[in-house]
Protein backbone atom coordinates (compact mmCIF):
# COMPACT_ATOMS: atom_id res chain seq x y z
CA PHE A 1 -1.23 29.99 15.99
CA ARG A 2 -3.65 27.59 14.33
CA SER A 3 -3.39 29.29 10.94
CA GLY A 4 0.38 29.40 11.20
CA GLY A 5 0.45 25.71 12.06
CA MET A 6 -1.78 24.94 9.08
CA MET A 7 0.55 26.75 6.70
CA LEU A 8 3.66 25.04 8.09
CA PHE A 9 2.18 21.56 8.59
CA PRO A 10 2.33 20.58 4.89
CA MET A 11 5.84 22.06 4.63
CA ALA A 12 7.27 19.87 7.41
CA SER A 13 10.25 17.90 6.13
CA ASP A 14 11.22 16.14 9.36
CA PHE A 15 9.38 14.31 12.11
CA ILE A 16 10.07 16.88 14.83
CA THR A 17 8.58 19.74 12.81
CA LEU A 18 5.68 17.51 11.76
CA PHE A 19 4.73 16.80 15.37
CA VAL A 20 5.19 20.40 16.56
CA MET A 21 3.00 21.72 13.73
CA LEU A 22 0.40 19.04 14.39
CA GLU A 23 0.11 20.17 18.00
CA LEU A 24 0.11 23.82 16.95
CA ILE A 25 -2.99 23.07 14.89
CA SER A 26 -4.66 20.74 17.37
CA LEU A 27 -4.30 22.53 20.72
CA PRO A 28 -6.21 25.69 19.69
CA LEU A 29 -8.89 23.50 18.10
CA TYR A 30 -9.41 21.56 21.33
CA ILE A 31 -10.18 24.87 23.06
CA MET A 32 -12.26 26.38 20.26
CA ALA A 33 -14.39 23.25 19.95
CA ALA A 34 -15.66 23.90 23.50
CA THR A 35 -16.75 27.51 22.95
CA ALA A 36 -20.30 27.08 21.58
CA ARG A 37 -22.74 29.41 23.37
CA HIS A 38 -26.09 27.69 22.98
CA ARG A 39 -25.01 24.04 23.37
CA ARG A 40 -22.31 24.21 26.00
CA LEU A 41 -22.48 20.62 27.28
CA LEU A 42 -22.48 19.20 23.75
CA SER A 43 -19.60 21.50 22.83
CA GLN A 44 -17.54 20.55 25.88
CA GLU A 45 -18.15 16.87 25.22
CA ALA A 46 -16.99 17.34 21.63
CA ALA A 47 -13.81 19.07 22.78
CA MET A 48 -13.06 16.28 25.27
CA LYS A 49 -13.55 13.56 22.65
CA TYR A 50 -11.38 15.47 20.19
CA PHE A 51 -8.66 15.94 22.80
CA VAL A 52 -8.55 12.32 23.96
CA LEU A 53 -8.63 10.79 20.47
CA GLY A 54 -6.26 13.46 19.16
CA ALA A 55 -3.71 12.60 21.84
CA PHE A 56 -4.13 8.92 20.99
CA ALA A 57 -3.45 9.61 17.28
CA SER A 58 -0.43 11.78 18.13
CA ALA A 59 0.97 8.85 20.11
CA PHE A 60 0.68 6.62 17.04
CA MET A 61 2.55 9.19 14.96
CA LEU A 62 5.28 9.65 17.56
CA LEU A 63 5.77 5.90 17.91
CA GLY A 64 6.09 5.53 14.14
CA SER A 65 8.57 8.41 14.03
CA ALA A 66 10.58 6.75 16.82
CA PHE A 67 10.66 3.47 14.89
CA LEU A 68 11.98 5.20 11.76
CA TYR A 69 14.53 7.20 13.75
CA GLY A 70 15.69 4.08 15.57
CA LEU A 71 16.12 2.25 12.28
CA THR A 72 17.79 5.01 10.27
CA GLY A 73 19.20 7.42 12.87
CA GLN A 74 17.59 10.29 10.93
CA VAL A 75 14.57 12.56 11.42
CA SER A 76 14.62 14.25 8.01
CA TYR A 77 12.22 12.82 5.42
CA SER A 78 14.84 12.80 2.67
CA ALA A 79 17.50 11.16 4.88
CA VAL A 80 15.02 8.51 6.03
CA ALA A 81 13.99 7.84 2.43
CA GLN A 82 17.63 7.52 1.39
CA ALA A 83 18.36 5.09 4.24
CA LEU A 84 15.29 2.97 3.48
CA GLY A 85 16.05 3.01 -0.23
CA ALA A 86 19.54 1.70 0.48
CA GLY A 87 18.06 -1.32 2.23
CA GLY A 88 18.26 -0.19 5.84
CA VAL A 89 19.29 -2.77 8.42
CA GLU A 90 19.15 -6.39 7.32
CA GLY A 91 16.19 -8.24 8.83
CA MET A 92 14.53 -5.04 10.08
CA ASP A 93 12.20 -4.35 7.15
CA TRP A 94 9.23 -4.93 9.45
CA LEU A 95 10.33 -2.00 11.63
CA ALA A 96 10.45 0.34 8.63
CA LEU A 97 6.99 -0.76 7.50
CA ALA A 98 5.61 -0.42 11.02
CA GLY A 99 7.06 3.08 11.33
CA VAL A 100 5.58 4.28 8.03
CA ALA A 101 2.23 2.65 8.87
CA LEU A 102 2.00 4.26 12.33
CA VAL A 103 2.83 7.75 11.06
CA THR A 104 0.25 7.25 8.31
CA VAL A 105 -2.35 6.25 10.92
CA GLY A 106 -1.67 9.45 12.88
CA LEU A 107 -2.22 11.54 9.77
CA LEU A 108 -5.27 9.52 8.68
CA PHE A 109 -6.87 10.49 12.00
CA LYS A 110 -6.54 14.19 11.12
CA ILE A 111 -8.30 13.68 7.78
CA ALA A 112 -11.02 11.57 9.49
CA ALA A 113 -10.50 8.51 7.31
CA ALA A 114 -12.29 5.32 8.39
CA PRO A 115 -11.76 3.53 10.71
CA PHE A 116 -10.15 6.58 12.38
CA HIS A 117 -13.21 8.78 11.89
CA ALA A 118 -15.14 8.18 15.13
CA TRP A 119 -14.39 11.66 16.52
CA SER A 120 -15.55 13.56 13.46
CA PRO A 121 -19.40 13.49 13.64
CA ASP A 122 -19.50 14.30 17.36
CA VAL A 123 -16.91 17.08 17.10
CA TYR A 124 -18.52 18.60 14.01
CA GLN A 125 -21.92 18.58 15.71
CA GLY A 126 -20.79 19.99 19.05
CA SER A 127 -18.30 22.62 17.90
CA PRO A 128 -19.35 26.16 16.94
CA THR A 129 -20.22 26.08 13.25
CA PRO A 130 -17.47 28.51 12.12
CA VAL A 131 -14.92 26.29 13.89
CA THR A 132 -16.45 23.22 12.27
CA ALA A 133 -16.20 24.84 8.83
CA PHE A 134 -12.56 25.69 9.46
CA MET A 135 -11.83 22.11 10.53
CA ALA A 136 -13.69 20.60 7.59
CA ALA A 137 -12.01 22.77 4.97
CA GLY A 138 -8.67 24.11 6.20
CA VAL A 139 -7.45 21.45 8.63
CA LYS A 140 -8.43 18.59 6.33
CA ALA A 141 -6.58 20.17 3.39
CA ALA A 142 -3.47 20.82 5.50
CA ALA A 143 -3.50 17.24 6.82
CA PHE A 144 -3.86 15.83 3.33
CA LEU A 145 -0.90 17.84 2.08
CA ALA A 146 1.18 16.70 5.06
CA LEU A 147 0.20 13.08 4.36
CA LEU A 148 1.05 13.58 0.69
CA ARG A 149 4.50 14.94 1.52
CA PHE A 150 5.26 12.15 3.98
CA PHE A 151 3.98 9.39 1.70
CA TYR A 152 5.83 10.61 -1.38
CA VAL A 153 9.12 11.53 0.34
CA ALA A 154 9.79 9.64 3.58
CA GLY A 155 7.66 6.62 2.69
CA ALA A 156 8.56 6.53 -1.00
CA ALA A 157 10.61 3.32 -0.65
CA LEU A 158 7.61 1.56 0.89
CA SER A 159 4.82 3.27 -1.06
CA TRP A 160 3.94 0.14 -3.04
CA ASP A 161 3.84 -1.91 0.17
CA MET A 162 1.52 0.64 1.77
CA ALA A 163 -0.66 1.12 -1.33
CA PRO A 164 -3.01 -1.85 -0.60
CA VAL A 165 -3.55 -0.53 2.93
CA VAL A 166 -4.37 2.98 1.71
CA VAL A 167 -6.65 1.57 -1.02
CA THR A 168 -8.55 -0.42 1.62
CA VAL A 169 -8.84 2.63 3.88
CA SER A 170 -10.04 4.72 0.92
CA ILE A 171 -12.78 2.24 -0.02
CA LEU A 172 -13.88 1.84 3.62
CA THR A 173 -13.92 5.61 4.12
CA MET A 174 -16.08 6.21 1.04
CA PHE A 175 -18.47 3.43 2.08
CA VAL A 176 -18.87 4.59 5.70
CA GLY A 177 -19.17 8.27 4.77
CA THR A 178 -21.85 7.79 2.13
CA VAL A 179 -23.93 5.00 3.70
CA VAL A 180 -23.97 6.24 7.30
CA GLY A 181 -24.39 9.86 6.17
CA ILE A 182 -27.73 9.03 4.53
CA VAL A 183 -29.45 8.17 7.83
CA GLN A 184 -28.32 11.22 9.82
CA GLY A 185 -30.99 13.53 11.20
CA ASP A 186 -28.67 16.43 12.04
CA ILE A 187 -27.28 18.57 9.21
CA LYS A 188 -23.87 19.00 10.85
CA ARG A 189 -23.50 15.26 11.41
CA MET A 190 -24.55 14.67 7.80
CA LEU A 191 -21.88 17.13 6.60
CA ALA A 192 -19.37 15.38 8.88
CA TYR A 193 -20.03 12.07 7.13
CA SER A 194 -19.89 13.88 3.82
CA ALA A 195 -16.43 15.11 4.80
CA ILE A 196 -15.45 11.53 5.65
CA ALA A 197 -16.62 10.34 2.22
CA HIS A 198 -14.67 13.13 0.51
CA ALA A 199 -11.56 12.08 2.44
CA GLY A 200 -11.94 8.68 0.80
CA TYR A 201 -12.15 10.28 -2.63
CA MET A 202 -9.05 12.37 -1.99
CA LEU A 203 -7.08 9.36 -0.80
CA ILE A 204 -7.31 8.04 -4.36
CA GLY A 205 -5.00 10.89 -5.43
CA ILE A 206 -2.39 9.66 -2.94
CA VAL A 207 -2.70 6.02 -4.00
CA ALA A 208 -2.17 7.02 -7.62
CA LEU A 209 1.54 7.59 -6.87
CA ASN A 210 2.06 9.98 -9.78
CA GLN A 211 2.06 13.70 -10.57
CA ALA A 212 -1.46 13.60 -12.03
CA GLY A 213 -2.75 12.30 -8.70
CA ILE A 214 -1.06 15.14 -6.83
CA ARG A 215 -2.53 17.79 -9.14
CA ALA A 216 -5.98 16.21 -8.89
CA LEU A 217 -5.76 16.12 -5.09
CA LEU A 218 -4.79 19.80 -4.89
CA PHE A 219 -7.66 20.84 -7.16
CA TYR A 220 -10.14 18.65 -5.29
CA ALA A 221 -9.04 20.05 -1.92
CA LEU A 222 -9.58 23.62 -3.17
CA ALA A 223 -13.02 22.92 -4.64
CA TYR A 224 -14.11 20.89 -1.60
CA GLY A 225 -12.89 23.57 0.82
CA VAL A 226 -14.86 26.35 -0.88
CA ALA A 227 -18.02 24.24 -1.10
CA THR A 228 -17.76 23.13 2.53
CA VAL A 229 -17.33 26.64 3.89
CA GLY A 230 -20.41 27.66 1.89
CA ALA A 231 -22.45 24.75 3.24
CA PHE A 232 -21.59 25.51 6.86
CA GLY A 233 -22.23 29.19 6.15
CA VAL A 234 -25.82 28.30 5.33
CA VAL A 235 -26.07 26.27 8.56
CA THR A 236 -25.12 29.34 10.61
CA LEU A 237 -27.95 31.36 9.03
CA VAL A 238 -30.83 28.96 9.72
CA ARG A 239 -31.78 29.54 13.37
CA VAL A 240 -34.61 28.84 15.77
CA ASP A 241 -36.84 31.86 16.41
CA HIS A 242 -36.47 33.06 20.01
CA ASP A 243 -39.08 35.72 20.82
CA GLY A 244 -38.39 37.52 17.56
CA ALA A 245 -34.61 37.22 17.90
CA ALA A 246 -32.27 34.69 16.40
CA GLY A 247 -31.81 31.72 18.71
CA PRO A 248 -29.59 28.66 18.39
CA GLU A 249 -28.92 27.08 15.02
CA ALA A 250 -31.68 24.83 13.67
CA THR A 251 -29.52 21.87 12.70
CA ASP A 252 -32.30 19.26 12.60
CA LEU A 253 -33.07 18.31 9.01
CA GLU A 254 -36.81 18.72 9.65
CA ALA A 255 -36.19 22.39 10.51
CA LEU A 256 -34.81 22.88 7.01
CA THR A 257 -38.01 21.68 5.35
CA GLY A 258 -39.20 24.33 2.90
CA LEU A 259 -36.08 26.44 3.30
CA GLY A 260 -35.86 27.06 -0.44
CA ARG A 261 -39.45 28.34 -0.46
CA ARG A 262 -39.01 30.53 2.63
CA SER A 263 -35.60 31.92 1.74
């Protein structure tokens, strides 16, 4: 279900499909985030945080969709864009801008852009590492493509109005991801902040508002996804020795000291 939702999420061309696909991705992740064997309490806490904040972000997106539907009477991206491009309802420009902004906030949560990133480090740390790798690579790419489609189709009429907001979010995301990531003592939390920083870099492709930005974003998402899966793959291999058998993952940075010499 999750993989199917990821494939259909970027293809959504109306608000109903967008929300259904978002939940199709999110609901299995809420469950899978709680399935770690060795750190059950941490894993369950991560799943609860992800669920609560995910529901909060979904509410933002639904409210924005309701605003745009109430203003235009349409749920299709292209029909909404056509209505907004024609001027909409006189004196109701604020409602259109609020609708586009709220849907954008809901999608920014899924890509863990600051200041909507608070769930990411805790969920990345507590979830089983294969699930974390899937979230960091696959879900982030799918969310970016969904944001790209919404921003360039439904929000096209207001893209220049939203551009300063997205630029600010991009700069803040890069700053938080890089600066806070430096002081982390856990490798999974460090990679979580790395993922936040990369979200800021990829937002630049959306702000560009041209075909070159789209192509750059697609290439970046592919390269980042492959590199991230590889990084989390290494995390799964470094484990605490447990009476000669492999124990839980050694995610503390001090446990990785001399890894290149040992392996």
